[in-house]
Amino acid sequence: MKKHLKVVAAIIENDQNEILCALRSPQMPQANMWEFPGGKVEQDEDLFSALKREIDEELGCKIETAGLFNDNIHEYETFIINLISIKCRIVEGTPAPSEHSKLIWLKRENLSSLKWAPADIPAVKQVMAEK
């Protein structure tokens, strides 16, 4: 039986209408693929608290969450991920990669130029469809 993971991801937009994209490091599963930053939801933790904690740990900044954006289940070879994307904005600090190889800000229409982790693709398509 495959392990089930509940993961939250931040769709962070800046004042220039650009979306924050994070490159997974070579040491991570789905290495060298892009994702929306975030991480696993701990037991007894709500989605929004988990995302705020993960962004603080991974990017060193504080976010304000808006609403749920996308809820997707993706089956990888060794596990199943429930990836829940949440719209956010930065309220304190500047994102800096600690676990990721690189962070970039991209316009919606350019998101498809990156090689995304499969679980993130439904949220990427939804972001790109927004105007």
C-alpha atoms as a PDB file:
ATOM      1  CA  MET A   1       0.000   0.000   0.000  1.00  0.00           C
ATOM      2  CA  LYS A   2       1.370   3.396  -1.002  1.00  0.00           C
ATOM      3  CA  LYS A   3       1.966   6.097   1.554  1.00  0.00           C
ATOM      4  CA  HIS A   4      -0.524   9.012   1.417  1.00  0.00           C
ATOM      5  CA  LEU A   5       0.845  12.516   1.927  1.00  0.00           C
ATOM      6  CA  LYS A   6      -1.169  15.679   2.511  1.00  0.00           C
ATOM      7  CA  VAL A   7       0.837  18.627   1.225  1.00  0.00           C
ATOM      8  CA  VAL A   8       0.083  22.347   1.019  1.00  0.00           C
ATOM      9  CA  ALA A   9       1.526  24.656  -1.617  1.00  0.00           C
ATOM     10  CA  ALA A  10       1.598  28.453  -1.735  1.00  0.00           C
ATOM     11  CA  ILE A  11       0.506  30.340  -4.832  1.00  0.00           C
ATOM     12  CA  ILE A  12       2.320  33.575  -3.964  1.00  0.00           C
ATOM     13  CA  GLU A  13       1.750  36.568  -6.211  1.00  0.00           C
ATOM     14  CA  ASN A  14       3.728  39.806  -6.009  1.00  0.00           C
ATOM     15  CA  ASP A  15       2.717  43.393  -6.878  1.00  0.00           C
ATOM     16  CA  GLN A  16       3.893  42.870 -10.479  1.00  0.00           C
ATOM     17  CA  ASN A  17       1.396  39.981 -10.904  1.00  0.00           C
ATOM     18  CA  GLU A  18       4.232  37.451 -10.928  1.00  0.00           C
ATOM     19  CA  ILE A  19       4.004  34.016  -9.293  1.00  0.00           C
ATOM     20  CA  LEU A  20       6.769  32.571  -7.083  1.00  0.00           C
ATOM     21  CA  CYS A  21       8.214  29.321  -8.474  1.00  0.00           C
ATOM     22  CA  ALA A  22      10.666  27.069  -6.614  1.00  0.00           C
ATOM     23  CA  LEU A  23      13.164  24.644  -8.171  1.00  0.00           C
ATOM     24  CA  ARG A  24      13.476  21.352  -6.282  1.00  0.00           C
ATOM     25  CA  SER A  25      17.076  20.578  -5.349  1.00  0.00           C
ATOM     26  CA  PRO A  26      18.932  17.553  -6.778  1.00  0.00           C
ATOM     27  CA  GLN A  27      18.584  15.830  -3.351  1.00  0.00           C
ATOM     28  CA  MET A  28      14.763  16.029  -3.330  1.00  0.00           C
ATOM     29  CA  PRO A  29      12.303  13.598  -4.945  1.00  0.00           C
ATOM     30  CA  GLN A  30      11.210  15.010  -8.335  1.00  0.00           C
ATOM     31  CA  ALA A  31      14.667  16.595  -8.426  1.00  0.00           C
ATOM     32  CA  ASN A  32      15.238  19.628 -10.617  1.00  0.00           C
ATOM     33  CA  MET A  33      11.517  20.101 -11.249  1.00  0.00           C
ATOM     34  CA  TRP A  34       9.609  23.254 -10.384  1.00  0.00           C
ATOM     35  CA  GLU A  35       6.888  23.494  -7.769  1.00  0.00           C
ATOM     36  CA  PHE A  36       4.938  25.952  -5.712  1.00  0.00           C
ATOM     37  CA  PRO A  37       6.679  26.133  -2.318  1.00  0.00           C
ATOM     38  CA  GLY A  38       5.130  24.424   0.692  1.00  0.00           C
ATOM     39  CA  GLY A  39       5.288  21.094   2.438  1.00  0.00           C
ATOM     40  CA  LYS A  40       3.652  18.338   4.444  1.00  0.00           C
ATOM     41  CA  VAL A  41       0.757  18.978   6.789  1.00  0.00           C
ATOM     42  CA  GLU A  42       1.615  17.629  10.241  1.00  0.00           C
ATOM     43  CA  GLN A  43      -0.891  15.635  12.292  1.00  0.00           C
ATOM     44  CA  ASP A  44      -3.430  17.907  14.065  1.00  0.00           C
ATOM     45  CA  GLU A  45      -2.345  20.906  11.950  1.00  0.00           C
ATOM     46  CA  ASP A  46      -4.775  22.868   9.787  1.00  0.00           C
ATOM     47  CA  LEU A  47      -3.892  23.630   6.159  1.00  0.00           C
ATOM     48  CA  PHE A  48      -3.303  27.350   6.650  1.00  0.00           C
ATOM     49  CA  SER A  49      -1.091  26.945   9.750  1.00  0.00           C
ATOM     50  CA  ALA A  50       0.906  24.244   7.963  1.00  0.00           C
ATOM     51  CA  LEU A  51       1.503  26.504   4.968  1.00  0.00           C
ATOM     52  CA  LYS A  52       2.539  29.484   7.095  1.00  0.00           C
ATOM     53  CA  ARG A  53       4.985  27.249   9.017  1.00  0.00           C
ATOM     54  CA  GLU A  54       6.427  25.693   5.847  1.00  0.00           C
ATOM     55  CA  ILE A  55       6.929  29.040   4.089  1.00  0.00           C
ATOM     56  CA  ASP A  56       8.581  30.466   7.195  1.00  0.00           C
ATOM     57  CA  GLU A  57      10.909  27.410   7.389  1.00  0.00           C
ATOM     58  CA  GLU A  58      11.632  27.099   3.642  1.00  0.00           C
ATOM     59  CA  LEU A  59      11.677  30.719   2.488  1.00  0.00           C
ATOM     60  CA  GLY A  60      12.210  32.729   5.669  1.00  0.00           C
ATOM     61  CA  CYS A  61       9.203  34.987   5.213  1.00  0.00           C
ATOM     62  CA  LYS A  62       5.697  35.456   6.570  1.00  0.00           C
ATOM     63  CA  ILE A  63       2.593  35.054   4.437  1.00  0.00           C
ATOM     64  CA  GLU A  64      -1.062  35.908   4.655  1.00  0.00           C
ATOM     65  CA  THR A  65      -3.315  33.202   3.237  1.00  0.00           C
ATOM     66  CA  ALA A  66      -6.382  33.866   1.138  1.00  0.00           C
ATOM     67  CA  GLY A  67      -8.552  30.936   0.094  1.00  0.00           C
ATOM     68  CA  LEU A  68      -8.102  27.404  -1.135  1.00  0.00           C
ATOM     69  CA  PHE A  69      -7.164  27.469  -4.803  1.00  0.00           C
ATOM     70  CA  ASN A  70      -6.687  23.914  -6.055  1.00  0.00           C
ATOM     71  CA  ASP A  71      -7.058  20.461  -4.509  1.00  0.00           C
ATOM     72  CA  ASN A  72      -5.457  17.656  -6.490  1.00  0.00           C
ATOM     73  CA  ILE A  73      -4.532  14.016  -5.890  1.00  0.00           C
ATOM     74  CA  HIS A  74      -1.563  12.639  -7.829  1.00  0.00           C
ATOM     75  CA  GLU A  75      -0.194   9.121  -7.708  1.00  0.00           C
ATOM     76  CA  TYR A  76       3.582   8.826  -7.993  1.00  0.00           C
ATOM     77  CA  GLU A  77       5.403   5.498  -8.237  1.00  0.00           C
ATOM     78  CA  THR A  78       5.981   5.135  -4.479  1.00  0.00           C
ATOM     79  CA  PHE A  79       3.367   7.419  -2.861  1.00  0.00           C
ATOM     80  CA  ILE A  80       0.107   9.309  -3.360  1.00  0.00           C
ATOM     81  CA  ILE A  81       0.017  13.047  -2.754  1.00  0.00           C
ATOM     82  CA  ASN A  82      -2.978  15.219  -1.977  1.00  0.00           C
ATOM     83  CA  LEU A  83      -1.657  18.638  -3.001  1.00  0.00           C
ATOM     84  CA  ILE A  84      -3.735  21.552  -1.784  1.00  0.00           C
ATOM     85  CA  SER A  85      -2.766  24.930  -3.236  1.00  0.00           C
ATOM     86  CA  ILE A  86      -3.612  28.117  -1.360  1.00  0.00           C
ATOM     87  CA  LYS A  87      -3.423  31.707  -2.609  1.00  0.00           C
ATOM     88  CA  CYS A  88      -1.056  33.826  -0.500  1.00  0.00           C
ATOM     89  CA  ARG A  89       0.831  37.061  -0.349  1.00  0.00           C
ATOM     90  CA  ILE A  90       4.020  37.946   1.476  1.00  0.00           C
ATOM     91  CA  VAL A  91       3.504  40.257   4.439  1.00  0.00           C
ATOM     92  CA  GLU A  92       7.020  40.197   5.905  1.00  0.00           C
ATOM     93  CA  GLY A  93      10.468  39.353   4.563  1.00  0.00           C
ATOM     94  CA  THR A  94      11.862  38.413   1.167  1.00  0.00           C
ATOM     95  CA  PRO A  95      11.739  34.783   0.010  1.00  0.00           C
ATOM     96  CA  ALA A  96      15.154  33.106   0.009  1.00  0.00           C
ATOM     97  CA  PRO A  97      15.730  29.445  -0.881  1.00  0.00           C
ATOM     98  CA  SER A  98      16.930  27.158   1.908  1.00  0.00           C
ATOM     99  CA  GLU A  99      15.745  23.770   0.603  1.00  0.00           C
ATOM    100  CA  HIS A 100      15.258  24.694  -3.041  1.00  0.00           C
ATOM    101  CA  SER A 101      17.997  25.278  -5.627  1.00  0.00           C
ATOM    102  CA  LYS A 102      16.428  28.475  -6.902  1.00  0.00           C
ATOM    103  CA  LEU A 103      13.399  30.777  -6.649  1.00  0.00           C
ATOM    104  CA  ILE A 104      12.068  32.872  -9.516  1.00  0.00           C
ATOM    105  CA  TRP A 105       9.106  35.168 -10.114  1.00  0.00           C
ATOM    106  CA  LEU A 106       7.289  34.517 -13.397  1.00  0.00           C
ATOM    107  CA  LYS A 107       4.300  35.987 -15.187  1.00  0.00           C
ATOM    108  CA  ARG A 108       1.322  33.603 -15.469  1.00  0.00           C
ATOM    109  CA  GLU A 109       1.685  33.258 -19.223  1.00  0.00           C
ATOM    110  CA  ASN A 110       5.296  32.048 -18.820  1.00  0.00           C
ATOM    111  CA  LEU A 111       4.664  29.315 -16.236  1.00  0.00           C
ATOM    112  CA  SER A 112       4.431  26.626 -18.912  1.00  0.00           C
ATOM    113  CA  SER A 113       8.078  27.278 -19.859  1.00  0.00           C
ATOM    114  CA  LEU A 114       9.190  25.405 -16.700  1.00  0.00           C
ATOM    115  CA  LYS A 115       9.353  21.642 -16.119  1.00  0.00           C
ATOM    116  CA  TRP A 116       6.850  21.232 -13.262  1.00  0.00           C
ATOM    117  CA  ALA A 117       6.529  18.366 -10.778  1.00  0.00           C
ATOM    118  CA  PRO A 118       3.502  16.353 -11.985  1.00  0.00           C
ATOM    119  CA  ALA A 119       1.418  16.993  -8.852  1.00  0.00           C
ATOM    120  CA  ASP A 120       1.733  20.775  -9.361  1.00  0.00           C
ATOM    121  CA  ILE A 121       0.543  20.798 -12.990  1.00  0.00           C
ATOM    122  CA  PRO A 122      -3.227  21.114 -12.287  1.00  0.00           C
ATOM    123  CA  ALA A 123      -2.599  24.212 -10.121  1.00  0.00           C
ATOM    124  CA  VAL A 124      -0.196  25.635 -12.742  1.00  0.00           C
ATOM    125  CA  LYS A 125      -2.878  25.266 -15.421  1.00  0.00           C
ATOM    126  CA  GLN A 126      -5.463  26.893 -13.159  1.00  0.00           C
ATOM    127  CA  VAL A 127      -3.123  29.841 -12.417  1.00  0.00           C
ATOM    128  CA  MET A 128      -2.417  30.275 -16.124  1.00  0.00           C
ATOM    129  CA  ALA A 129      -6.147  30.284 -16.913  1.00  0.00           C
ATOM    130  CA  GLU A 130      -6.699  33.220 -14.528  1.00  0.00           C
ATOM    131  CA  LYS A 131      -6.717  36.703 -15.941  1.00  0.00           C
END
